[in-house]
Amino acid sequence: MKSDTPFELNSDREIERLIDEVMSSTLTDLTDEQYRKKMQRRKEVQDQRIAQAVPEKGLIIVNTGNGKGKTTAALGMVLRSLGHGYKVAIVQFIKGSWEPSEKQVFSLWEDQIEFHAMGEGFTWETQDRDRDLDKASAAWAKSLEYIRNPDFQLVLLDEINIALKMAYLQVDEVLAGLAQKPPNKHVILTGRGAPAALIERADLVTEMTLIKHPFRDQGVKAQPGIEF
């Protein structure tokens, strides 16, 4: 059967090559007709890529890296989910010794969201490994409740990667827990130092790269609305 499109894309690599080809020219140097044709080809590529996409599925999403914005990006997905009327659960593995401002905001959706700040601050503040282990274990037990619960569309495990990096939790234990999620549930895991096995299992991984930071480079302390 002849395709309705002028070309067929047989691999992700070919799709990426065509996208690069379409976008490679400096658009300001094109005539109006050249611009129209280039954007038309870009649309053809994108439309076929969408047509070849698999049905929707629940994703395991990892935000990691040394740069700022891992939790912030995850909270953006939380807001989107709330906007769709979904139920969301947030479990924070490190925060807890202070009241996160996002918890106050999300109280506006108290019928849709469950929020648990179960840590006691950064590890250098607690200085008690056994207590840190107990807190991480309790946070993971609470997380499993929401991972298994089909009523919640999105679960955010904030800073769980740090708990894994510090060996407060075992990677195999977390992977086994993620395997118990319903097919359409999304789970976001944030924090620097995500282990390789988790990255391998995830569907979407973003690494935040640190280029400049006001505390490191200028000695500017954490500020409300930016860090907390």
C-alpha atoms as a PDB file:
ATOM      1  CA  MET A   1       0.000   0.000   0.000  1.00  0.00           C
ATOM      2  CA  LYS A   2       1.383   3.364  -0.997  1.00  0.00           C
ATOM      3  CA  SER A   3       2.045   5.805   1.817  1.00  0.00           C
ATOM      4  CA  ASP A   4       0.242   9.150   1.846  1.00  0.00           C
ATOM      5  CA  THR A   5       3.436  10.811   3.020  1.00  0.00           C
ATOM      6  CA  PRO A   6       6.315  11.606   0.635  1.00  0.00           C
ATOM      7  CA  PHE A   7       8.785   9.499   2.621  1.00  0.00           C
ATOM      8  CA  GLU A   8       8.864   6.870   5.321  1.00  0.00           C
ATOM      9  CA  LEU A   9      11.017   6.956   8.427  1.00  0.00           C
ATOM     10  CA  ASN A  10      12.447   3.606   9.422  1.00  0.00           C
ATOM     11  CA  SER A  11      14.434   4.441  12.531  1.00  0.00           C
ATOM     12  CA  ASP A  12      14.824   7.013  15.268  1.00  0.00           C
ATOM     13  CA  ARG A  13      18.286   7.793  13.905  1.00  0.00           C
ATOM     14  CA  GLU A  14      16.839   8.625  10.493  1.00  0.00           C
ATOM     15  CA  ILE A  15      14.197  10.814  12.085  1.00  0.00           C
ATOM     16  CA  GLU A  16      16.823  12.726  14.045  1.00  0.00           C
ATOM     17  CA  ARG A  17      18.918  13.135  10.898  1.00  0.00           C
ATOM     18  CA  LEU A  18      15.991  14.646   9.035  1.00  0.00           C
ATOM     19  CA  ILE A  19      15.164  16.982  11.899  1.00  0.00           C
ATOM     20  CA  ASP A  20      18.781  18.170  12.000  1.00  0.00           C
ATOM     21  CA  GLU A  21      18.724  18.640   8.240  1.00  0.00           C
ATOM     22  CA  VAL A  22      15.544  20.686   8.386  1.00  0.00           C
ATOM     23  CA  MET A  23      16.791  22.897  11.211  1.00  0.00           C
ATOM     24  CA  SER A  24      20.430  23.258  10.150  1.00  0.00           C
ATOM     25  CA  SER A  25      20.131  26.431   8.084  1.00  0.00           C
ATOM     26  CA  THR A  26      20.053  29.875   9.614  1.00  0.00           C
ATOM     27  CA  LEU A  27      16.367  30.638   9.239  1.00  0.00           C
ATOM     28  CA  THR A  28      16.898  34.372   8.896  1.00  0.00           C
ATOM     29  CA  ASP A  29      18.913  33.758   5.709  1.00  0.00           C
ATOM     30  CA  LEU A  30      16.028  31.997   3.949  1.00  0.00           C
ATOM     31  CA  THR A  31      13.560  33.459   1.521  1.00  0.00           C
ATOM     32  CA  ASP A  32       9.894  33.243   2.477  1.00  0.00           C
ATOM     33  CA  GLU A  33       9.417  30.302   0.107  1.00  0.00           C
ATOM     34  CA  GLN A  34      12.492  28.470   1.429  1.00  0.00           C
ATOM     35  CA  TYR A  35      11.282  29.017   4.979  1.00  0.00           C
ATOM     36  CA  ARG A  36       7.816  27.684   4.120  1.00  0.00           C
ATOM     37  CA  LYS A  37       9.239  24.545   2.490  1.00  0.00           C
ATOM     38  CA  LYS A  38      11.624  23.904   5.365  1.00  0.00           C
ATOM     39  CA  MET A  39       8.855  24.218   7.949  1.00  0.00           C
ATOM     40  CA  GLN A  40       6.577  22.038   5.819  1.00  0.00           C
ATOM     41  CA  ARG A  41       9.218  19.319   5.771  1.00  0.00           C
ATOM     42  CA  ARG A  42       9.738  19.710   9.508  1.00  0.00           C
ATOM     43  CA  LYS A  43       5.998  19.239  10.038  1.00  0.00           C
ATOM     44  CA  GLU A  44       5.978  16.122   7.849  1.00  0.00           C
ATOM     45  CA  VAL A  45       8.787  14.644   9.915  1.00  0.00           C
ATOM     46  CA  GLN A  46       7.071  15.444  13.193  1.00  0.00           C
ATOM     47  CA  ASP A  47       3.638  14.243  12.062  1.00  0.00           C
ATOM     48  CA  GLN A  48       5.031  10.893  10.972  1.00  0.00           C
ATOM     49  CA  ARG A  49       6.976  10.543  14.189  1.00  0.00           C
ATOM     50  CA  ILE A  50       3.796  11.110  16.196  1.00  0.00           C
ATOM     51  CA  ALA A  51       1.902   8.621  14.018  1.00  0.00           C
ATOM     52  CA  GLN A  52       4.539   5.977  14.756  1.00  0.00           C
ATOM     53  CA  ALA A  53       4.511   6.607  18.509  1.00  0.00           C
ATOM     54  CA  VAL A  54       3.329   3.871  20.858  1.00  0.00           C
ATOM     55  CA  PRO A  55       0.152   4.277  22.930  1.00  0.00           C
ATOM     56  CA  GLU A  56       0.321   6.158  26.217  1.00  0.00           C
ATOM     57  CA  LYS A  57       2.037   4.436  29.137  1.00  0.00           C
ATOM     58  CA  GLY A  58       2.957   5.241  32.692  1.00  0.00           C
ATOM     59  CA  LEU A  59       6.496   6.597  32.812  1.00  0.00           C
ATOM     60  CA  ILE A  60       9.372   6.295  35.233  1.00  0.00           C
ATOM     61  CA  ILE A  61      11.026   9.710  35.141  1.00  0.00           C
ATOM     62  CA  VAL A  62      14.416  10.580  36.638  1.00  0.00           C
ATOM     63  CA  ASN A  63      15.655  14.139  37.194  1.00  0.00           C
ATOM     64  CA  THR A  64      19.294  14.044  38.258  1.00  0.00           C
ATOM     65  CA  GLY A  65      22.591  15.923  37.905  1.00  0.00           C
ATOM     66  CA  ASN A  66      24.423  18.589  39.879  1.00  0.00           C
ATOM     67  CA  GLY A  67      22.485  21.506  38.428  1.00  0.00           C
ATOM     68  CA  LYS A  68      19.550  23.256  40.029  1.00  0.00           C
ATOM     69  CA  GLY A  69      15.965  22.570  38.980  1.00  0.00           C
ATOM     70  CA  LYS A  70      15.355  18.856  39.511  1.00  0.00           C
ATOM     71  CA  THR A  71      12.551  19.247  42.028  1.00  0.00           C
ATOM     72  CA  THR A  72      11.303  22.413  40.346  1.00  0.00           C
ATOM     73  CA  ALA A  73      10.807  20.574  37.051  1.00  0.00           C
ATOM     74  CA  ALA A  74       9.027  17.734  38.822  1.00  0.00           C
ATOM     75  CA  LEU A  75       6.689  20.163  40.579  1.00  0.00           C
ATOM     76  CA  GLY A  76       5.764  21.544  37.171  1.00  0.00           C
ATOM     77  CA  MET A  77       4.531  18.069  36.202  1.00  0.00           C
ATOM     78  CA  VAL A  78       2.639  17.917  39.481  1.00  0.00           C
ATOM     79  CA  LEU A  79       0.831  21.149  38.584  1.00  0.00           C
ATOM     80  CA  ARG A  80      -0.029  19.824  35.137  1.00  0.00           C
ATOM     81  CA  SER A  81      -1.455  16.647  36.637  1.00  0.00           C
ATOM     82  CA  LEU A  82      -3.527  18.610  39.130  1.00  0.00           C
ATOM     83  CA  GLY A  83      -4.818  20.730  36.266  1.00  0.00           C
ATOM     84  CA  HIS A  84      -6.075  17.556  34.589  1.00  0.00           C
ATOM     85  CA  GLY A  85      -7.892  16.581  37.759  1.00  0.00           C
ATOM     86  CA  TYR A  86      -5.516  13.717  38.603  1.00  0.00           C
ATOM     87  CA  LYS A  87      -4.620  12.645  42.114  1.00  0.00           C
ATOM     88  CA  VAL A  88      -0.962  13.171  43.024  1.00  0.00           C
ATOM     89  CA  ALA A  89       1.251  12.058  45.905  1.00  0.00           C
ATOM     90  CA  ILE A  90       4.522  13.728  46.914  1.00  0.00           C
ATOM     91  CA  VAL A  91       6.988  12.114  49.316  1.00  0.00           C
ATOM     92  CA  GLN A  92      10.055  14.192  50.171  1.00  0.00           C
ATOM     93  CA  PHE A  93      12.996  12.134  51.422  1.00  0.00           C
ATOM     94  CA  ILE A  94      15.286  14.956  52.603  1.00  0.00           C
ATOM     95  CA  LYS A  95      13.079  17.952  53.274  1.00  0.00           C
ATOM     96  CA  GLY A  96      11.144  17.911  56.505  1.00  0.00           C
ATOM     97  CA  SER A  97      13.092  19.961  59.017  1.00  0.00           C
ATOM     98  CA  TRP A  98      11.566  23.054  57.412  1.00  0.00           C
ATOM     99  CA  GLU A  99       8.123  23.688  55.943  1.00  0.00           C
ATOM    100  CA  PRO A 100       8.422  23.699  52.133  1.00  0.00           C
ATOM    101  CA  SER A 101       6.500  26.562  50.552  1.00  0.00           C
ATOM    102  CA  GLU A 102       5.190  24.290  47.800  1.00  0.00           C
ATOM    103  CA  LYS A 103       3.258  22.372  50.456  1.00  0.00           C
ATOM    104  CA  GLN A 104       1.339  25.542  51.284  1.00  0.00           C
ATOM    105  CA  VAL A 105       0.533  26.133  47.615  1.00  0.00           C
ATOM    106  CA  PHE A 106      -0.635  22.584  47.021  1.00  0.00           C
ATOM    107  CA  SER A 107      -3.033  22.836  49.956  1.00  0.00           C
ATOM    108  CA  LEU A 108      -5.308  24.566  47.441  1.00  0.00           C
ATOM    109  CA  TRP A 109      -5.775  21.115  45.873  1.00  0.00           C
ATOM    110  CA  GLU A 110      -6.214  19.235  49.133  1.00  0.00           C
ATOM    111  CA  ASP A 111      -8.778  16.887  47.571  1.00  0.00           C
ATOM    112  CA  GLN A 112      -6.299  15.819  44.876  1.00  0.00           C
ATOM    113  CA  ILE A 113      -2.911  15.748  46.563  1.00  0.00           C
ATOM    114  CA  GLU A 114      -1.160  13.956  49.407  1.00  0.00           C
ATOM    115  CA  PHE A 115       2.053  15.645  50.596  1.00  0.00           C
ATOM    116  CA  HIS A 116       4.566  14.104  52.998  1.00  0.00           C
ATOM    117  CA  ALA A 117       7.846  15.830  53.926  1.00  0.00           C
ATOM    118  CA  MET A 118       9.479  12.947  55.782  1.00  0.00           C
ATOM    119  CA  GLY A 119      13.156  13.858  56.016  1.00  0.00           C
ATOM    120  CA  GLU A 120      15.021  15.871  58.609  1.00  0.00           C
ATOM    121  CA  GLY A 121      17.201  17.997  56.390  1.00  0.00           C
ATOM    122  CA  PHE A 122      20.552  17.437  54.768  1.00  0.00           C
ATOM    123  CA  THR A 123      22.715  14.585  56.036  1.00  0.00           C
ATOM    124  CA  TRP A 124      25.365  16.959  57.370  1.00  0.00           C
ATOM    125  CA  GLU A 125      22.679  18.586  59.525  1.00  0.00           C
ATOM    126  CA  THR A 126      21.246  15.423  61.080  1.00  0.00           C
ATOM    127  CA  GLN A 127      24.647  13.779  61.754  1.00  0.00           C
ATOM    128  CA  ASP A 128      22.848  10.604  62.811  1.00  0.00           C
ATOM    129  CA  ARG A 129      23.102   7.766  60.283  1.00  0.00           C
ATOM    130  CA  ASP A 130      20.737   5.407  62.089  1.00  0.00           C
ATOM    131  CA  ARG A 131      18.067   8.085  62.273  1.00  0.00           C
ATOM    132  CA  ASP A 132      18.599   8.925  58.594  1.00  0.00           C
ATOM    133  CA  LEU A 133      18.178   5.232  57.725  1.00  0.00           C
ATOM    134  CA  ASP A 134      14.954   5.027  59.713  1.00  0.00           C
ATOM    135  CA  LYS A 135      13.566   8.163  58.081  1.00  0.00           C
ATOM    136  CA  ALA A 136      14.426   6.930  54.580  1.00  0.00           C
ATOM    137  CA  SER A 137      12.854   3.548  55.309  1.00  0.00           C
ATOM    138  CA  ALA A 138       9.653   5.192  56.532  1.00  0.00           C
ATOM    139  CA  ALA A 139       9.546   7.475  53.490  1.00  0.00           C
ATOM    140  CA  TRP A 140       9.982   4.499  51.163  1.00  0.00           C
ATOM    141  CA  ALA A 141       7.206   2.565  52.920  1.00  0.00           C
ATOM    142  CA  LYS A 142       4.896   5.549  52.420  1.00  0.00           C
ATOM    143  CA  SER A 143       6.014   5.835  48.790  1.00  0.00           C
ATOM    144  CA  LEU A 144       5.141   2.199  48.129  1.00  0.00           C
ATOM    145  CA  GLU A 145       1.590   2.816  49.323  1.00  0.00           C
ATOM    146  CA  TYR A 146       1.114   5.438  46.629  1.00  0.00           C
ATOM    147  CA  ILE A 147       3.039   3.557  43.940  1.00  0.00           C
ATOM    148  CA  ARG A 148       0.686   0.600  44.351  1.00  0.00           C
ATOM    149  CA  ASN A 149      -2.483   2.676  44.717  1.00  0.00           C
ATOM    150  CA  PRO A 150      -4.265   2.922  41.335  1.00  0.00           C
ATOM    151  CA  ASP A 151      -6.130   6.062  42.423  1.00  0.00           C
ATOM    152  CA  PHE A 152      -2.970   8.174  42.103  1.00  0.00           C
ATOM    153  CA  GLN A 153      -1.884   9.069  38.573  1.00  0.00           C
ATOM    154  CA  LEU A 154       1.455  10.650  39.558  1.00  0.00           C
ATOM    155  CA  VAL A 155       3.854   9.985  42.431  1.00  0.00           C
ATOM    156  CA  LEU A 156       6.836  12.262  43.081  1.00  0.00           C
ATOM    157  CA  LEU A 157       9.689  10.803  45.141  1.00  0.00           C
ATOM    158  CA  ASP A 158      11.655  13.954  45.843  1.00  0.00           C
ATOM    159  CA  GLU A 159      15.389  13.550  46.574  1.00  0.00           C
ATOM    160  CA  ILE A 160      15.111   9.760  46.696  1.00  0.00           C
ATOM    161  CA  ASN A 161      18.256   9.568  44.561  1.00  0.00           C
ATOM    162  CA  ILE A 162      20.228  11.053  47.447  1.00  0.00           C
ATOM    163  CA  ALA A 163      18.865   8.353  49.752  1.00  0.00           C
ATOM    164  CA  LEU A 164      20.037   5.782  47.208  1.00  0.00           C
ATOM    165  CA  LYS A 165      23.438   7.421  46.817  1.00  0.00           C
ATOM    166  CA  MET A 166      23.921   7.428  50.599  1.00  0.00           C
ATOM    167  CA  ALA A 167      22.841   3.749  50.736  1.00  0.00           C
ATOM    168  CA  TYR A 168      19.882   4.548  52.987  1.00  0.00           C
ATOM    169  CA  LEU A 169      17.861   2.551  50.461  1.00  0.00           C
ATOM    170  CA  GLN A 170      18.907  -0.270  48.148  1.00  0.00           C
ATOM    171  CA  VAL A 171      18.526   0.179  44.397  1.00  0.00           C
ATOM    172  CA  ASP A 172      17.109  -3.320  43.912  1.00  0.00           C
ATOM    173  CA  GLU A 173      14.465  -2.610  46.539  1.00  0.00           C
ATOM    174  CA  VAL A 174      13.370   0.570  44.769  1.00  0.00           C
ATOM    175  CA  LEU A 175      13.336  -1.089  41.338  1.00  0.00           C
ATOM    176  CA  ALA A 176      11.205  -3.907  42.732  1.00  0.00           C
ATOM    177  CA  GLY A 177       8.804  -1.338  44.149  1.00  0.00           C
ATOM    178  CA  LEU A 178       8.568   0.531  40.854  1.00  0.00           C
ATOM    179  CA  ALA A 179       7.689  -2.745  39.141  1.00  0.00           C
ATOM    180  CA  GLN A 180       4.514  -2.836  41.246  1.00  0.00           C
ATOM    181  CA  LYS A 181       3.046   0.363  39.844  1.00  0.00           C
ATOM    182  CA  PRO A 182      -0.122   0.171  37.725  1.00  0.00           C
ATOM    183  CA  PRO A 183       0.605   0.419  33.975  1.00  0.00           C
ATOM    184  CA  ASN A 184      -0.592   4.019  33.548  1.00  0.00           C
ATOM    185  CA  LYS A 185       0.966   5.521  36.677  1.00  0.00           C
ATOM    186  CA  HIS A 186       3.838   8.005  36.363  1.00  0.00           C
ATOM    187  CA  VAL A 187       6.596   8.061  39.001  1.00  0.00           C
ATOM    188  CA  ILE A 188       9.199  10.842  39.203  1.00  0.00           C
ATOM    189  CA  LEU A 189      12.444  10.321  41.126  1.00  0.00           C
ATOM    190  CA  THR A 190      14.618  13.368  41.753  1.00  0.00           C
ATOM    191  CA  GLY A 191      18.029  14.084  43.226  1.00  0.00           C
ATOM    192  CA  ARG A 192      21.645  14.097  42.138  1.00  0.00           C
ATOM    193  CA  GLY A 193      23.600  10.881  41.787  1.00  0.00           C
ATOM    194  CA  ALA A 194      20.888   8.647  40.338  1.00  0.00           C
ATOM    195  CA  PRO A 195      22.309   5.102  40.154  1.00  0.00           C
ATOM    196  CA  ALA A 196      22.992   3.530  36.773  1.00  0.00           C
ATOM    197  CA  ALA A 197      20.433   0.761  37.296  1.00  0.00           C
ATOM    198  CA  LEU A 198      17.677   3.311  37.892  1.00  0.00           C
ATOM    199  CA  ILE A 199      18.695   5.320  34.834  1.00  0.00           C
ATOM    200  CA  GLU A 200      18.624   2.125  32.778  1.00  0.00           C
ATOM    201  CA  ARG A 201      15.109   1.318  33.979  1.00  0.00           C
ATOM    202  CA  ALA A 202      13.693   4.828  33.501  1.00  0.00           C
ATOM    203  CA  ASP A 203      11.716   5.948  30.460  1.00  0.00           C
ATOM    204  CA  LEU A 204      12.738   9.603  30.702  1.00  0.00           C
ATOM    205  CA  VAL A 205      16.006  10.836  32.208  1.00  0.00           C
ATOM    206  CA  THR A 206      17.111  14.459  32.429  1.00  0.00           C
ATOM    207  CA  GLU A 207      20.490  15.509  33.796  1.00  0.00           C
ATOM    208  CA  MET A 208      20.641  19.065  35.101  1.00  0.00           C
ATOM    209  CA  THR A 209      24.093  20.502  34.384  1.00  0.00           C
ATOM    210  CA  LEU A 210      25.597  23.030  36.774  1.00  0.00           C
ATOM    211  CA  ILE A 211      27.122  25.958  34.885  1.00  0.00           C
ATOM    212  CA  LYS A 212      26.806  28.786  37.400  1.00  0.00           C
ATOM    213  CA  HIS A 213      25.311  28.903  40.886  1.00  0.00           C
ATOM    214  CA  PRO A 214      24.909  32.039  43.027  1.00  0.00           C
ATOM    215  CA  PHE A 215      25.968  30.320  46.263  1.00  0.00           C
ATOM    216  CA  ARG A 216      29.050  28.657  44.806  1.00  0.00           C
ATOM    217  CA  ASP A 217      30.129  31.562  42.616  1.00  0.00           C
ATOM    218  CA  GLN A 218      28.967  34.615  44.580  1.00  0.00           C
ATOM    219  CA  GLY A 219      28.249  33.409  48.096  1.00  0.00           C
ATOM    220  CA  VAL A 220      24.552  34.296  47.792  1.00  0.00           C
ATOM    221  CA  LYS A 221      22.492  32.404  50.361  1.00  0.00           C
ATOM    222  CA  ALA A 222      19.347  30.404  49.572  1.00  0.00           C
ATOM    223  CA  GLN A 223      16.394  32.697  48.970  1.00  0.00           C
ATOM    224  CA  PRO A 224      12.629  32.239  49.376  1.00  0.00           C
ATOM    225  CA  GLY A 225      10.885  31.643  46.089  1.00  0.00           C
ATOM    226  CA  ILE A 226      14.094  30.391  44.460  1.00  0.00           C
ATOM    227  CA  GLU A 227      15.434  27.614  46.678  1.00  0.00           C
ATOM    228  CA  PHE A 228      12.518  27.121  49.056  1.00  0.00           C
END
